Amino acid sequence: MGKLKQTRPITSDQAVYYRKGVEAKLLELVADAVNAGWSRTETLLVITEVAQNLARRKCGDGELEDVLAVVENMRG
């Protein structure tokens, strides 16, 4: 299994900034889905599934664990 390589260094401040930006957009998406009649839980499940599928397409199933490890490390 290949190692996940970051194309450029990212500081913890940048990671927080990016995460907050993505979170804000996701919260908007969740609110839109809830307003359309979806439950918050099913919306979050679908978002999670889509994110995992995107990671698999980008990295392959074998490297998904590496991607998730990088995400966990970014959390601090």
N, C-alpha and C. Protein backbone atom coordinates (compact mmCIF):
# COMPACT_ATOMS: atom_id res chain seq x y z
N MET A 1 0.84 -1.16 0.00
CA MET A 1 0.00 0.00 0.00
C MET A 1 0.89 1.23 0.00
N GLY A 2 0.57 2.19 -0.87
CA GLY A 2 1.36 3.41 -0.97
C GLY A 2 1.10 4.34 0.20
N LYS A 3 2.02 5.22 0.41
CA LYS A 3 1.87 6.21 1.48
C LYS A 3 1.20 7.45 0.91
N LEU A 4 0.32 8.04 1.68
CA LEU A 4 -0.33 9.28 1.29
C LEU A 4 0.69 10.40 1.38
N LYS A 5 0.85 11.12 0.29
CA LYS A 5 1.82 12.21 0.26
C LYS A 5 1.07 13.53 0.15
N GLN A 6 1.39 14.43 1.05
CA GLN A 6 0.80 15.75 1.01
C GLN A 6 1.59 16.57 0.00
N THR A 7 0.89 17.27 -0.89
CA THR A 7 1.58 18.01 -1.94
C THR A 7 2.23 19.28 -1.44
N ARG A 8 1.74 19.80 -0.34
CA ARG A 8 2.34 20.99 0.26
C ARG A 8 2.10 20.97 1.75
N PRO A 9 3.00 21.55 2.50
CA PRO A 9 2.81 21.56 3.95
C PRO A 9 1.57 22.38 4.32
N ILE A 10 0.92 21.97 5.37
CA ILE A 10 -0.23 22.71 5.88
C ILE A 10 -0.02 22.91 7.38
N THR A 11 -0.18 24.14 7.81
CA THR A 11 -0.03 24.43 9.23
C THR A 11 -1.31 24.07 9.96
N SER A 12 -1.22 23.95 11.27
CA SER A 12 -2.42 23.63 12.04
C SER A 12 -3.43 24.78 11.95
N ASP A 13 -2.95 26.02 11.85
CA ASP A 13 -3.86 27.15 11.68
C ASP A 13 -4.62 27.05 10.36
N GLN A 14 -3.92 26.66 9.28
CA GLN A 14 -4.57 26.49 7.99
C GLN A 14 -5.60 25.37 8.05
N ALA A 15 -5.23 24.28 8.72
CA ALA A 15 -6.15 23.14 8.83
C ALA A 15 -7.43 23.56 9.54
N VAL A 16 -7.30 24.34 10.60
CA VAL A 16 -8.48 24.83 11.33
C VAL A 16 -9.31 25.73 10.43
N TYR A 17 -8.65 26.62 9.70
CA TYR A 17 -9.34 27.54 8.79
C TYR A 17 -10.10 26.77 7.71
N TYR A 18 -9.45 25.80 7.07
CA TYR A 18 -10.09 25.00 6.03
C TYR A 18 -11.25 24.20 6.60
N ARG A 19 -11.02 23.61 7.75
CA ARG A 19 -12.05 22.78 8.39
C ARG A 19 -13.29 23.62 8.72
N LYS A 20 -13.08 24.83 9.23
CA LYS A 20 -14.21 25.70 9.55
C LYS A 20 -14.98 26.09 8.30
N GLY A 21 -14.27 26.33 7.21
CA GLY A 21 -14.92 26.68 5.96
C GLY A 21 -15.76 25.54 5.41
N VAL A 22 -15.21 24.33 5.43
CA VAL A 22 -15.94 23.16 4.97
C VAL A 22 -17.12 22.89 5.89
N GLU A 23 -16.90 23.01 7.19
CA GLU A 23 -17.97 22.77 8.15
C GLU A 23 -19.14 23.73 7.91
N ALA A 24 -18.83 24.99 7.66
CA ALA A 24 -19.89 25.98 7.43
C ALA A 24 -20.73 25.59 6.21
N LYS A 25 -20.08 25.17 5.14
CA LYS A 25 -20.80 24.75 3.93
C LYS A 25 -21.61 23.50 4.19
N LEU A 26 -21.06 22.56 4.93
CA LEU A 26 -21.80 21.33 5.25
C LEU A 26 -23.03 21.64 6.11
N LEU A 27 -22.89 22.55 7.05
CA LEU A 27 -24.04 22.93 7.88
C LEU A 27 -25.14 23.56 7.03
N GLU A 28 -24.75 24.34 6.03
CA GLU A 28 -25.74 24.89 5.09
C GLU A 28 -26.43 23.77 4.32
N LEU A 29 -25.65 22.81 3.87
CA LEU A 29 -26.20 21.67 3.14
C LEU A 29 -27.17 20.87 4.01
N VAL A 30 -26.79 20.64 5.25
CA VAL A 30 -27.65 19.91 6.19
C VAL A 30 -28.95 20.69 6.40
N ALA A 31 -28.85 21.99 6.61
CA ALA A 31 -30.04 22.82 6.81
C ALA A 31 -30.96 22.76 5.59
N ASP A 32 -30.38 22.84 4.40
CA ASP A 32 -31.17 22.76 3.17
C ASP A 32 -31.88 21.41 3.07
N ALA A 33 -31.17 20.34 3.40
CA ALA A 33 -31.75 18.99 3.33
C ALA A 33 -32.88 18.85 4.35
N VAL A 34 -32.66 19.34 5.57
CA VAL A 34 -33.70 19.27 6.60
C VAL A 34 -34.93 20.07 6.16
N ASN A 35 -34.70 21.25 5.57
CA ASN A 35 -35.81 22.06 5.07
C ASN A 35 -36.56 21.36 3.94
N ALA A 36 -35.87 20.48 3.23
CA ALA A 36 -36.49 19.73 2.13
C ALA A 36 -37.18 18.45 2.63
N GLY A 37 -37.08 18.17 3.94
CA GLY A 37 -37.77 17.03 4.51
C GLY A 37 -36.90 15.86 4.92
N TRP A 38 -35.58 15.95 4.70
CA TRP A 38 -34.67 14.89 5.14
C TRP A 38 -34.46 15.04 6.64
N SER A 39 -34.14 13.93 7.29
CA SER A 39 -33.75 14.03 8.70
C SER A 39 -32.27 14.44 8.76
N ARG A 40 -31.88 15.01 9.88
CA ARG A 40 -30.48 15.40 10.07
C ARG A 40 -29.58 14.17 10.03
N THR A 41 -30.05 13.08 10.64
CA THR A 41 -29.25 11.85 10.69
C THR A 41 -29.03 11.28 9.30
N GLU A 42 -30.10 11.15 8.51
CA GLU A 42 -29.92 10.57 7.17
C GLU A 42 -29.07 11.48 6.29
N THR A 43 -29.18 12.78 6.48
CA THR A 43 -28.36 13.72 5.71
C THR A 43 -26.88 13.52 6.05
N LEU A 44 -26.57 13.44 7.34
CA LEU A 44 -25.18 13.25 7.75
C LEU A 44 -24.64 11.89 7.30
N LEU A 45 -25.48 10.87 7.31
CA LEU A 45 -25.05 9.56 6.81
C LEU A 45 -24.71 9.61 5.32
N VAL A 46 -25.53 10.30 4.55
CA VAL A 46 -25.28 10.41 3.11
C VAL A 46 -24.01 11.23 2.85
N ILE A 47 -23.83 12.31 3.60
CA ILE A 47 -22.61 13.13 3.44
C ILE A 47 -21.38 12.28 3.74
N THR A 48 -21.44 11.48 4.80
CA THR A 48 -20.32 10.61 5.17
C THR A 48 -20.05 9.60 4.05
N GLU A 49 -21.09 9.00 3.53
CA GLU A 49 -20.92 8.02 2.45
C GLU A 49 -20.30 8.65 1.22
N VAL A 50 -20.77 9.84 0.85
CA VAL A 50 -20.22 10.53 -0.32
C VAL A 50 -18.75 10.87 -0.09
N ALA A 51 -18.40 11.35 1.10
CA ALA A 51 -17.01 11.69 1.40
C ALA A 51 -16.11 10.45 1.32
N GLN A 52 -16.59 9.34 1.85
CA GLN A 52 -15.79 8.10 1.78
C GLN A 52 -15.64 7.63 0.34
N ASN A 53 -16.70 7.73 -0.46
CA ASN A 53 -16.61 7.34 -1.87
C ASN A 53 -15.63 8.23 -2.63
N LEU A 54 -15.64 9.52 -2.34
CA LEU A 54 -14.68 10.42 -2.98
C LEU A 54 -13.25 10.05 -2.60
N ALA A 55 -13.04 9.74 -1.33
CA ALA A 55 -11.70 9.36 -0.88
C ALA A 55 -11.26 8.06 -1.55
N ARG A 56 -12.17 7.10 -1.69
CA ARG A 56 -11.82 5.83 -2.35
C ARG A 56 -11.46 6.05 -3.81
N ARG A 57 -12.24 6.90 -4.49
CA ARG A 57 -11.94 7.16 -5.91
C ARG A 57 -10.61 7.87 -6.07
N LYS A 58 -10.29 8.75 -5.15
CA LYS A 58 -9.05 9.51 -5.22
C LYS A 58 -7.85 8.65 -4.84
N CYS A 59 -8.00 7.84 -3.80
CA CYS A 59 -6.86 7.13 -3.23
C CYS A 59 -6.94 5.62 -3.39
N GLY A 60 -8.09 5.08 -3.65
CA GLY A 60 -8.25 3.63 -3.68
C GLY A 60 -8.60 3.12 -2.30
N ASP A 61 -9.29 1.98 -2.28
CA ASP A 61 -9.72 1.42 -1.00
C ASP A 61 -8.56 1.18 -0.04
N GLY A 62 -7.43 0.72 -0.58
CA GLY A 62 -6.29 0.39 0.26
C GLY A 62 -5.70 1.57 0.99
N GLU A 63 -5.84 2.76 0.42
CA GLU A 63 -5.25 3.95 1.02
C GLU A 63 -6.25 4.76 1.83
N LEU A 64 -7.51 4.33 1.85
CA LEU A 64 -8.51 5.09 2.59
C LEU A 64 -8.15 5.20 4.07
N GLU A 65 -7.62 4.13 4.64
CA GLU A 65 -7.21 4.19 6.05
C GLU A 65 -6.11 5.23 6.26
N ASP A 66 -5.20 5.36 5.28
CA ASP A 66 -4.16 6.39 5.38
C ASP A 66 -4.78 7.78 5.35
N VAL A 67 -5.77 7.98 4.48
CA VAL A 67 -6.44 9.27 4.39
C VAL A 67 -7.12 9.59 5.72
N LEU A 68 -7.82 8.61 6.27
CA LEU A 68 -8.51 8.83 7.54
C LEU A 68 -7.52 9.11 8.66
N ALA A 69 -6.35 8.48 8.62
CA ALA A 69 -5.33 8.74 9.63
C ALA A 69 -4.83 10.19 9.53
N VAL A 70 -4.65 10.68 8.30
CA VAL A 70 -4.23 12.08 8.11
C VAL A 70 -5.30 13.02 8.67
N VAL A 71 -6.57 12.72 8.40
CA VAL A 71 -7.66 13.54 8.92
C VAL A 71 -7.63 13.54 10.45
N GLU A 72 -7.45 12.36 11.02
CA GLU A 72 -7.41 12.26 12.49
C GLU A 72 -6.25 13.08 13.05
N ASN A 73 -5.10 13.03 12.39
CA ASN A 73 -3.93 13.81 12.85
C ASN A 73 -4.20 15.31 12.75
N MET A 74 -4.96 15.72 11.73
CA MET A 74 -5.27 17.15 11.56
C MET A 74 -6.14 17.65 12.70
N ARG A 75 -6.90 16.76 13.32
CA ARG A 75 -7.77 17.14 14.43
C ARG A 75 -6.97 17.55 15.66
N GLY A 76 -5.73 17.06 15.70
CA GLY A 76 -4.85 17.45 16.80
C GLY A 76 -4.91 16.64 18.00
